[in-house]
Amino acid sequence: MRAFTIAAIIAVLAVPANAQMGPSNGGGGGGGVSILGGSGGGGKLGKKSDEQIAIEQQQKKNEENAYKDALKKIQPAKPSDPWGSMR
């Protein structure tokens, strides 16, 4: 009886882990679901062209400049005096 209970617990815990693997197509791989999006790697194994790299760098630079400009627009907070009304 004890062995049956242990086997049942292991089976119940193994089902969710098996469900996370996804369907297998005969190979030893996992599922065919791409977590990061896209087509799963494309033809060049994720290598980017020089144009794509230049565009990404320009976008990063633009984002960084926009962030710095937004920080400059924020006015510093005045220190509050919690006892100000008591004086």
Protein backbone atom coordinates (compact mmCIF):
# COMPACT_ATOMS: atom_id res chain seq x y z
CA MET A 1 0.00 0.00 0.00
CA ARG A 2 2.83 2.35 0.84
CA ALA A 3 4.59 1.64 -2.46
CA PHE A 4 1.37 2.30 -4.37
CA THR A 5 0.95 5.66 -2.62
CA ILE A 6 4.52 6.68 -3.43
CA ALA A 7 4.10 5.60 -7.05
CA ALA A 8 0.85 7.59 -7.32
CA ILE A 9 2.52 10.72 -5.90
CA ILE A 10 5.43 10.41 -8.33
CA ALA A 11 3.03 9.92 -11.26
CA VAL A 12 0.98 12.97 -10.28
CA LEU A 13 4.11 15.12 -9.98
CA ALA A 14 5.57 13.86 -13.27
CA VAL A 15 2.52 14.74 -15.40
CA PRO A 16 2.99 18.55 -15.22
CA ALA A 17 6.69 18.19 -16.03
CA ASN A 18 5.85 16.07 -19.06
CA ALA A 19 3.25 18.61 -20.17
CA GLN A 20 5.89 21.37 -20.16
CA MET A 21 8.08 19.46 -22.61
CA GLY A 22 5.59 19.81 -25.45
CA PRO A 23 5.01 17.36 -28.27
CA SER A 24 8.03 15.49 -29.52
CA ASN A 25 8.36 14.50 -33.16
CA GLY A 26 10.30 11.28 -32.77
CA GLY A 27 13.54 13.03 -31.86
CA GLY A 28 14.97 13.72 -28.47
CA GLY A 29 14.35 17.48 -28.72
CA GLY A 30 11.59 19.22 -26.77
CA GLY A 31 8.66 21.03 -28.12
CA GLY A 32 8.52 23.11 -31.21
CA VAL A 33 7.48 26.27 -29.37
CA SER A 34 9.77 29.27 -29.67
CA ILE A 35 9.93 31.08 -26.34
CA LEU A 36 11.55 34.29 -27.60
CA GLY A 37 9.41 34.57 -30.69
CA GLY A 38 10.46 34.52 -34.29
CA SER A 39 10.88 31.46 -36.43
CA GLY A 40 13.18 29.61 -34.09
CA GLY A 41 16.55 30.71 -35.41
CA GLY A 42 16.20 31.36 -39.10
CA GLY A 43 18.76 30.20 -41.61
CA LYS A 44 21.94 31.82 -40.24
CA LEU A 45 21.60 30.55 -36.67
CA GLY A 46 20.72 33.93 -35.25
CA LYS A 47 23.54 35.91 -36.86
CA LYS A 48 22.62 39.48 -37.70
CA SER A 49 23.66 41.49 -40.70
CA ASP A 50 25.71 44.66 -40.39
CA GLU A 51 22.62 46.73 -41.21
CA GLN A 52 20.64 45.15 -38.41
CA ILE A 53 23.46 45.70 -35.94
CA ALA A 54 23.79 49.36 -37.00
CA ILE A 55 20.03 49.89 -36.69
CA GLU A 56 19.96 48.32 -33.22
CA GLN A 57 22.89 50.45 -32.07
CA GLN A 58 21.18 53.60 -33.35
CA GLN A 59 17.96 52.63 -31.59
CA LYS A 60 19.87 52.04 -28.34
CA LYS A 61 21.57 55.42 -28.69
CA ASN A 62 18.22 57.13 -29.35
CA GLU A 63 16.64 55.45 -26.34
CA GLU A 64 19.55 56.42 -24.12
CA ASN A 65 19.37 60.05 -25.27
CA ALA A 66 15.61 60.15 -24.70
CA TYR A 67 16.11 58.71 -21.20
CA LYS A 68 18.77 61.30 -20.34
CA ASP A 69 16.57 64.12 -21.66
CA ALA A 70 13.64 62.88 -19.60
CA LEU A 71 15.83 62.81 -16.47
CA LYS A 72 16.88 66.42 -17.09
CA LYS A 73 13.23 67.50 -17.20
CA ILE A 74 12.52 66.12 -13.72
CA GLN A 75 12.80 68.82 -11.08
CA PRO A 76 14.46 67.86 -7.82
CA ALA A 77 12.04 67.36 -4.96
CA LYS A 78 12.10 69.94 -2.19
CA PRO A 79 12.90 68.45 1.20
CA SER A 80 9.75 68.17 3.27
CA ASP A 81 9.59 69.33 6.87
CA PRO A 82 7.23 67.05 8.80
CA TRP A 83 7.33 69.39 11.85
CA GLY A 84 6.79 72.56 9.79
CA SER A 85 3.20 73.05 10.94
CA MET A 86 4.15 72.55 14.60
CA ARG A 87 6.57 75.48 14.73
